[in-house]
Amino acid sequence: MKSIATTSVRAAADAPPYRNEITAGSHALVADEPTSAGGRNAGPAPYEYILAGLGACTVMTLTMYAERKGWQLGHIEMDLRLLKDDDGVTHIERDLRCSAELSPQQWERLLDICSKTPVTKTLMAGARIRTRRSD
């Protein structure tokens, strides 16, 4: 198998409850739960990181596509929401905005590309997760 990404997560014994220190490549991040869930809201919650990764991948992919096509998208914004329905099924909604004036055909193509981004495909297909003890 080919490695795509690696990340380390640590919860120190003397840290506030639920606070995690994350190392992703050369970047240091923090994850925490909101105060309403017993955390201290020191960083995004895990589901927020999932949405951030999906949104960033989508906007990056659209930017690359537009550059290849010579399209000007202007300022790009994406709002994302993760929802659970009454049956417990997870839904993610994305709202995309570009400040540039785009034709209906360009919008249609951009929305189609959103469904083909690497992280979108991974989430849609699911991932096999294996956990093992490491000493």
N, C-alpha and C. Protein backbone atom coordinates (compact mmCIF):
# COMPACT_ATOMS: atom_id res chain seq x y z
N MET A 1 0.84 -1.19 0.00
CA MET A 1 0.00 0.00 0.00
C MET A 1 0.88 1.24 0.00
N LYS A 2 0.38 2.29 -0.60
CA LYS A 2 1.06 3.58 -0.66
C LYS A 2 0.56 4.48 0.46
N SER A 3 1.48 5.08 1.21
CA SER A 3 1.11 5.99 2.28
C SER A 3 0.72 7.34 1.68
N ILE A 4 -0.43 7.86 2.08
CA ILE A 4 -0.94 9.14 1.59
C ILE A 4 -0.72 10.24 2.62
N ALA A 5 -0.92 9.93 3.89
CA ALA A 5 -0.77 10.93 4.95
C ALA A 5 -0.49 10.22 6.26
N THR A 6 0.21 10.91 7.15
CA THR A 6 0.43 10.40 8.50
C THR A 6 0.18 11.53 9.50
N THR A 7 -0.33 11.14 10.64
CA THR A 7 -0.63 12.10 11.70
C THR A 7 -0.43 11.39 13.03
N SER A 8 0.03 12.12 14.03
CA SER A 8 0.15 11.59 15.39
C SER A 8 -0.73 12.42 16.32
N VAL A 9 -1.36 11.74 17.26
CA VAL A 9 -2.23 12.41 18.24
C VAL A 9 -1.80 11.96 19.63
N ARG A 10 -1.65 12.94 20.52
CA ARG A 10 -1.25 12.64 21.89
C ARG A 10 -2.13 13.39 22.88
N ALA A 11 -2.54 12.68 23.92
CA ALA A 11 -3.27 13.29 25.03
C ALA A 11 -2.38 13.11 26.26
N ALA A 12 -1.78 14.18 26.70
CA ALA A 12 -0.89 14.12 27.85
C ALA A 12 -1.69 13.87 29.12
N ALA A 13 -1.10 13.12 30.06
CA ALA A 13 -1.77 12.79 31.32
C ALA A 13 -2.12 14.05 32.12
N ASP A 14 -1.29 15.09 31.99
CA ASP A 14 -1.53 16.31 32.76
C ASP A 14 -2.29 17.38 31.97
N ALA A 15 -2.78 17.02 30.78
CA ALA A 15 -3.51 17.98 29.94
C ALA A 15 -4.97 18.05 30.39
N PRO A 16 -5.64 19.14 30.05
CA PRO A 16 -7.09 19.20 30.32
C PRO A 16 -7.80 18.04 29.63
N PRO A 17 -8.91 17.60 30.19
CA PRO A 17 -9.63 16.47 29.57
C PRO A 17 -10.00 16.78 28.12
N TYR A 18 -9.85 15.79 27.27
CA TYR A 18 -10.22 15.81 25.85
C TYR A 18 -9.27 16.61 24.96
N ARG A 19 -8.33 17.34 25.51
CA ARG A 19 -7.39 18.10 24.69
C ARG A 19 -6.38 17.13 24.07
N ASN A 20 -6.17 17.25 22.78
CA ASN A 20 -5.22 16.42 22.06
C ASN A 20 -4.25 17.31 21.29
N GLU A 21 -2.99 16.93 21.34
CA GLU A 21 -1.95 17.60 20.55
C GLU A 21 -1.75 16.76 19.29
N ILE A 22 -1.85 17.39 18.15
CA ILE A 22 -1.78 16.69 16.87
C ILE A 22 -0.54 17.16 16.12
N THR A 23 0.19 16.21 15.56
CA THR A 23 1.28 16.53 14.65
C THR A 23 0.89 15.97 13.29
N ALA A 24 0.74 16.85 12.32
CA ALA A 24 0.38 16.47 10.95
C ALA A 24 1.48 17.01 10.05
N GLY A 25 2.37 16.14 9.59
CA GLY A 25 3.53 16.61 8.85
C GLY A 25 4.37 17.48 9.76
N SER A 26 4.66 18.70 9.34
CA SER A 26 5.44 19.63 10.17
C SER A 26 4.54 20.61 10.92
N HIS A 27 3.25 20.31 11.00
CA HIS A 27 2.29 21.24 11.60
C HIS A 27 1.81 20.73 12.96
N ALA A 28 1.69 21.65 13.91
CA ALA A 28 1.17 21.34 15.23
C ALA A 28 -0.25 21.88 15.34
N LEU A 29 -1.17 21.02 15.71
CA LEU A 29 -2.58 21.40 15.83
C LEU A 29 -3.10 20.95 17.19
N VAL A 30 -4.24 21.45 17.55
CA VAL A 30 -4.91 21.07 18.80
C VAL A 30 -6.34 20.67 18.46
N ALA A 31 -6.80 19.62 19.10
CA ALA A 31 -8.21 19.23 19.01
C ALA A 31 -8.77 19.21 20.42
N ASP A 32 -10.02 19.54 20.55
CA ASP A 32 -10.66 19.55 21.85
C ASP A 32 -12.17 19.44 21.63
N GLU A 33 -12.86 19.19 22.68
CA GLU A 33 -14.32 19.20 22.64
C GLU A 33 -14.80 20.58 23.09
N PRO A 34 -15.97 20.99 22.66
CA PRO A 34 -16.52 22.26 23.16
C PRO A 34 -16.80 22.15 24.66
N THR A 35 -16.93 23.28 25.30
CA THR A 35 -17.21 23.29 26.74
C THR A 35 -18.52 22.58 27.05
N SER A 36 -19.48 22.63 26.12
CA SER A 36 -20.77 21.97 26.33
C SER A 36 -20.63 20.45 26.41
N ALA A 37 -19.50 19.91 25.91
CA ALA A 37 -19.25 18.46 25.94
C ALA A 37 -18.17 18.10 26.96
N GLY A 38 -17.78 19.05 27.81
CA GLY A 38 -16.81 18.78 28.85
C GLY A 38 -15.38 19.16 28.51
N GLY A 39 -15.15 19.67 27.32
CA GLY A 39 -13.81 20.12 26.94
C GLY A 39 -13.61 21.57 27.30
N ARG A 40 -12.52 22.12 26.79
CA ARG A 40 -12.24 23.53 27.04
C ARG A 40 -12.24 24.36 25.75
N ASN A 41 -12.67 23.73 24.66
CA ASN A 41 -12.79 24.43 23.38
C ASN A 41 -11.47 25.04 22.93
N ALA A 42 -10.36 24.32 23.17
CA ALA A 42 -9.03 24.81 22.83
C ALA A 42 -8.71 24.65 21.35
N GLY A 43 -9.53 23.92 20.63
CA GLY A 43 -9.32 23.70 19.20
C GLY A 43 -10.55 23.05 18.61
N PRO A 44 -10.54 22.83 17.30
CA PRO A 44 -11.69 22.19 16.67
C PRO A 44 -11.94 20.79 17.22
N ALA A 45 -13.19 20.39 17.19
CA ALA A 45 -13.57 19.03 17.57
C ALA A 45 -13.29 18.10 16.39
N PRO A 46 -13.21 16.80 16.63
CA PRO A 46 -12.86 15.86 15.56
C PRO A 46 -13.72 15.97 14.29
N TYR A 47 -15.04 16.09 14.43
CA TYR A 47 -15.88 16.23 13.23
C TYR A 47 -15.56 17.52 12.47
N GLU A 48 -15.18 18.56 13.19
CA GLU A 48 -14.81 19.80 12.51
C GLU A 48 -13.54 19.62 11.68
N TYR A 49 -12.62 18.79 12.17
CA TYR A 49 -11.43 18.49 11.38
C TYR A 49 -11.79 17.70 10.12
N ILE A 50 -12.75 16.79 10.24
CA ILE A 50 -13.19 16.06 9.04
C ILE A 50 -13.75 17.04 8.01
N LEU A 51 -14.61 17.95 8.45
CA LEU A 51 -15.19 18.93 7.53
C LEU A 51 -14.11 19.85 6.97
N ALA A 52 -13.14 20.24 7.79
CA ALA A 52 -12.06 21.11 7.33
C ALA A 52 -11.25 20.41 6.24
N GLY A 53 -10.93 19.14 6.44
CA GLY A 53 -10.18 18.40 5.43
C GLY A 53 -10.96 18.26 4.13
N LEU A 54 -12.23 17.96 4.24
CA LEU A 54 -13.07 17.85 3.04
C LEU A 54 -13.18 19.18 2.33
N GLY A 55 -13.43 20.25 3.07
CA GLY A 55 -13.56 21.57 2.46
C GLY A 55 -12.27 22.04 1.81
N ALA A 56 -11.15 21.85 2.51
CA ALA A 56 -9.86 22.26 1.96
C ALA A 56 -9.53 21.49 0.69
N CYS A 57 -9.75 20.18 0.71
CA CYS A 57 -9.49 19.36 -0.49
C CYS A 57 -10.37 19.81 -1.65
N THR A 58 -11.64 20.10 -1.37
CA THR A 58 -12.56 20.51 -2.42
C THR A 58 -12.14 21.84 -3.02
N VAL A 59 -11.85 22.83 -2.18
CA VAL A 59 -11.47 24.15 -2.69
C VAL A 59 -10.13 24.07 -3.43
N MET A 60 -9.18 23.30 -2.93
CA MET A 60 -7.89 23.14 -3.63
C MET A 60 -8.09 22.49 -5.00
N THR A 61 -8.92 21.46 -5.04
CA THR A 61 -9.17 20.77 -6.32
C THR A 61 -9.85 21.70 -7.31
N LEU A 62 -10.84 22.47 -6.85
CA LEU A 62 -11.52 23.41 -7.74
C LEU A 62 -10.55 24.48 -8.25
N THR A 63 -9.66 24.95 -7.38
CA THR A 63 -8.67 25.94 -7.78
C THR A 63 -7.75 25.37 -8.86
N MET A 64 -7.28 24.15 -8.67
CA MET A 64 -6.42 23.50 -9.67
C MET A 64 -7.15 23.33 -11.00
N TYR A 65 -8.41 22.89 -10.93
CA TYR A 65 -9.21 22.70 -12.14
C TYR A 65 -9.40 24.02 -12.87
N ALA A 66 -9.75 25.07 -12.13
CA ALA A 66 -9.98 26.38 -12.74
C ALA A 66 -8.70 26.92 -13.37
N GLU A 67 -7.56 26.71 -12.72
CA GLU A 67 -6.29 27.16 -13.30
C GLU A 67 -6.03 26.46 -14.64
N ARG A 68 -6.28 25.16 -14.70
CA ARG A 68 -6.06 24.42 -15.96
C ARG A 68 -6.99 24.91 -17.07
N LYS A 69 -8.21 25.30 -16.69
CA LYS A 69 -9.19 25.79 -17.66
C LYS A 69 -9.03 27.27 -17.98
N GLY A 70 -8.20 27.98 -17.20
CA GLY A 70 -8.06 29.42 -17.40
C GLY A 70 -9.24 30.20 -16.86
N TRP A 71 -9.99 29.63 -15.92
CA TRP A 71 -11.14 30.29 -15.33
C TRP A 71 -10.71 31.09 -14.11
N GLN A 72 -11.31 32.24 -13.94
CA GLN A 72 -11.11 33.04 -12.74
C GLN A 72 -12.29 32.79 -11.80
N LEU A 73 -12.00 32.26 -10.63
CA LEU A 73 -13.07 31.99 -9.67
C LEU A 73 -13.21 33.10 -8.65
N GLY A 74 -12.20 33.96 -8.55
CA GLY A 74 -12.23 35.01 -7.54
C GLY A 74 -12.06 34.42 -6.16
N HIS A 75 -12.73 34.99 -5.20
CA HIS A 75 -12.69 34.53 -3.81
C HIS A 75 -13.60 33.31 -3.69
N ILE A 76 -13.07 32.21 -3.18
CA ILE A 76 -13.85 30.98 -3.03
C ILE A 76 -14.15 30.75 -1.55
N GLU A 77 -15.37 30.42 -1.26
CA GLU A 77 -15.77 30.07 0.11
C GLU A 77 -16.61 28.82 0.07
N MET A 78 -16.43 27.97 1.08
CA MET A 78 -17.25 26.78 1.22
C MET A 78 -17.65 26.63 2.68
N ASP A 79 -18.93 26.52 2.93
CA ASP A 79 -19.45 26.23 4.26
C ASP A 79 -19.89 24.76 4.26
N LEU A 80 -19.54 24.06 5.33
CA LEU A 80 -19.85 22.64 5.43
C LEU A 80 -20.57 22.35 6.73
N ARG A 81 -21.48 21.39 6.67
CA ARG A 81 -22.23 20.95 7.85
C ARG A 81 -22.28 19.43 7.86
N LEU A 82 -22.06 18.84 9.02
CA LEU A 82 -22.23 17.41 9.20
C LEU A 82 -23.49 17.20 10.03
N LEU A 83 -24.39 16.39 9.52
CA LEU A 83 -25.70 16.18 10.14
C LEU A 83 -25.95 14.68 10.31
N LYS A 84 -26.76 14.34 11.28
CA LYS A 84 -27.23 12.96 11.45
C LYS A 84 -28.75 12.98 11.40
N ASP A 85 -29.33 12.10 10.57
CA ASP A 85 -30.78 12.05 10.50
C ASP A 85 -31.34 11.16 11.61
N ASP A 86 -32.64 11.01 11.66
CA ASP A 86 -33.30 10.25 12.73
C ASP A 86 -32.89 8.78 12.73
N ASP A 87 -32.41 8.27 11.60
CA ASP A 87 -31.96 6.88 11.52
C ASP A 87 -30.47 6.74 11.83
N GLY A 88 -29.81 7.86 12.16
CA GLY A 88 -28.39 7.82 12.48
C GLY A 88 -27.48 7.88 11.27
N VAL A 89 -28.04 8.12 10.09
CA VAL A 89 -27.24 8.21 8.87
C VAL A 89 -26.58 9.59 8.83
N THR A 90 -25.29 9.59 8.51
CA THR A 90 -24.53 10.84 8.44
C THR A 90 -24.69 11.48 7.07
N HIS A 91 -24.91 12.79 7.07
CA HIS A 91 -25.00 13.57 5.85
C HIS A 91 -24.04 14.75 5.97
N ILE A 92 -23.39 15.09 4.87
CA ILE A 92 -22.55 16.28 4.83
C ILE A 92 -23.09 17.17 3.72
N GLU A 93 -23.30 18.43 4.05
CA GLU A 93 -23.76 19.43 3.08
C GLU A 93 -22.64 20.43 2.86
N ARG A 94 -22.43 20.80 1.60
CA ARG A 94 -21.43 21.81 1.24
C ARG A 94 -22.12 22.90 0.45
N ASP A 95 -21.84 24.15 0.81
CA ASP A 95 -22.33 25.31 0.07
C ASP A 95 -21.11 26.03 -0.48
N LEU A 96 -21.06 26.19 -1.79
CA LEU A 96 -19.91 26.79 -2.47
C LEU A 96 -20.29 28.16 -3.03
N ARG A 97 -19.38 29.12 -2.82
CA ARG A 97 -19.55 30.46 -3.38
C ARG A 97 -18.24 30.89 -4.03
N CYS A 98 -18.36 31.56 -5.16
CA CYS A 98 -17.21 32.17 -5.84
C CYS A 98 -17.60 33.61 -6.13
N SER A 99 -16.64 34.53 -5.94
CA SER A 99 -16.97 35.94 -6.17
C SER A 99 -16.98 36.30 -7.66
N ALA A 100 -16.37 35.49 -8.50
CA ALA A 100 -16.35 35.77 -9.94
C ALA A 100 -17.70 35.40 -10.56
N GLU A 101 -18.03 36.09 -11.63
CA GLU A 101 -19.25 35.79 -12.39
C GLU A 101 -18.98 34.56 -13.25
N LEU A 102 -19.72 33.47 -13.01
CA LEU A 102 -19.53 32.23 -13.75
C LEU A 102 -20.79 31.87 -14.52
N SER A 103 -20.59 31.22 -15.65
CA SER A 103 -21.74 30.79 -16.46
C SER A 103 -22.41 29.58 -15.80
N PRO A 104 -23.65 29.30 -16.17
CA PRO A 104 -24.32 28.10 -15.63
C PRO A 104 -23.53 26.82 -15.95
N GLN A 105 -22.90 26.79 -17.12
CA GLN A 105 -22.11 25.61 -17.49
C GLN A 105 -20.87 25.47 -16.59
N GLN A 106 -20.24 26.60 -16.26
CA GLN A 106 -19.08 26.55 -15.37
C GLN A 106 -19.50 26.06 -13.98
N TRP A 107 -20.62 26.59 -13.48
CA TRP A 107 -21.11 26.15 -12.18
C TRP A 107 -21.43 24.66 -12.19
N GLU A 108 -22.07 24.21 -13.24
CA GLU A 108 -22.40 22.78 -13.35
C GLU A 108 -21.14 21.94 -13.29
N ARG A 109 -20.11 22.35 -14.00
CA ARG A 109 -18.85 21.60 -14.01
C ARG A 109 -18.16 21.64 -12.65
N LEU A 110 -18.14 22.81 -12.01
CA LEU A 110 -17.51 22.92 -10.69
C LEU A 110 -18.22 22.02 -9.67
N LEU A 111 -19.55 22.02 -9.70
CA LEU A 111 -20.29 21.17 -8.77
C LEU A 111 -20.05 19.70 -9.06
N ASP A 112 -19.87 19.34 -10.31
CA ASP A 112 -19.54 17.97 -10.67
C ASP A 112 -18.14 17.61 -10.15
N ILE A 113 -17.20 18.51 -10.29
CA ILE A 113 -15.83 18.27 -9.80
C ILE A 113 -15.84 18.06 -8.29
N CYS A 114 -16.71 18.75 -7.56
CA CYS A 114 -16.78 18.59 -6.10
C CYS A 114 -16.98 17.13 -5.71
N SER A 115 -17.73 16.40 -6.50
CA SER A 115 -18.00 15.00 -6.17
C SER A 115 -16.83 14.08 -6.51
N LYS A 116 -15.79 14.63 -7.15
CA LYS A 116 -14.67 13.82 -7.60
C LYS A 116 -13.36 14.13 -6.90
N THR A 117 -13.40 14.92 -5.83
CA THR A 117 -12.16 15.25 -5.14
C THR A 117 -11.69 14.04 -4.34
N PRO A 118 -10.38 13.94 -4.08
CA PRO A 118 -9.87 12.76 -3.37
C PRO A 118 -10.51 12.51 -2.01
N VAL A 119 -10.67 13.53 -1.18
CA VAL A 119 -11.26 13.32 0.14
C VAL A 119 -12.75 12.99 0.03
N THR A 120 -13.44 13.61 -0.92
CA THR A 120 -14.85 13.27 -1.14
C THR A 120 -14.98 11.79 -1.49
N LYS A 121 -14.15 11.33 -2.41
CA LYS A 121 -14.20 9.92 -2.81
C LYS A 121 -13.91 8.99 -1.63
N THR A 122 -12.93 9.37 -0.81
CA THR A 122 -12.59 8.55 0.35
C THR A 122 -13.76 8.46 1.32
N LEU A 123 -14.38 9.60 1.62
CA LEU A 123 -15.51 9.59 2.55
C LEU A 123 -16.70 8.83 1.98
N MET A 124 -16.95 9.00 0.69
CA MET A 124 -18.08 8.32 0.07
C MET A 124 -17.87 6.80 0.03
N ALA A 125 -16.64 6.37 -0.19
CA ALA A 125 -16.35 4.94 -0.29
C ALA A 125 -16.19 4.29 1.08
N GLY A 126 -15.87 5.10 2.07
CA GLY A 126 -15.56 4.54 3.38
C GLY A 126 -14.10 4.13 3.39
N ALA A 127 -13.59 3.84 4.55
CA ALA A 127 -12.19 3.43 4.67
C ALA A 127 -12.11 2.28 5.65
N ARG A 128 -11.27 1.33 5.37
CA ARG A 128 -11.03 0.24 6.31
C ARG A 128 -10.09 0.77 7.38
N ILE A 129 -10.47 0.61 8.62
CA ILE A 129 -9.68 1.12 9.73
C ILE A 129 -9.24 -0.06 10.58
N ARG A 130 -7.94 -0.15 10.80
CA ARG A 130 -7.38 -1.20 11.64
C ARG A 130 -6.64 -0.54 12.78
N THR A 131 -6.88 -0.97 13.99
CA THR A 131 -6.21 -0.45 15.16
C THR A 131 -5.44 -1.59 15.80
N ARG A 132 -4.19 -1.32 16.18
CA ARG A 132 -3.38 -2.35 16.83
C ARG A 132 -2.56 -1.72 17.95
N ARG A 133 -2.13 -2.53 18.83
CA ARG A 133 -1.31 -2.09 19.95
C ARG A 133 0.10 -1.78 19.44
N SER A 134 0.65 -0.69 19.94
CA SER A 134 2.01 -0.31 19.57
C SER A 134 2.76 0.00 20.87
N ASP A 135 3.88 -0.65 21.06
CA ASP A 135 4.67 -0.41 22.29
C ASP A 135 5.74 0.62 22.08
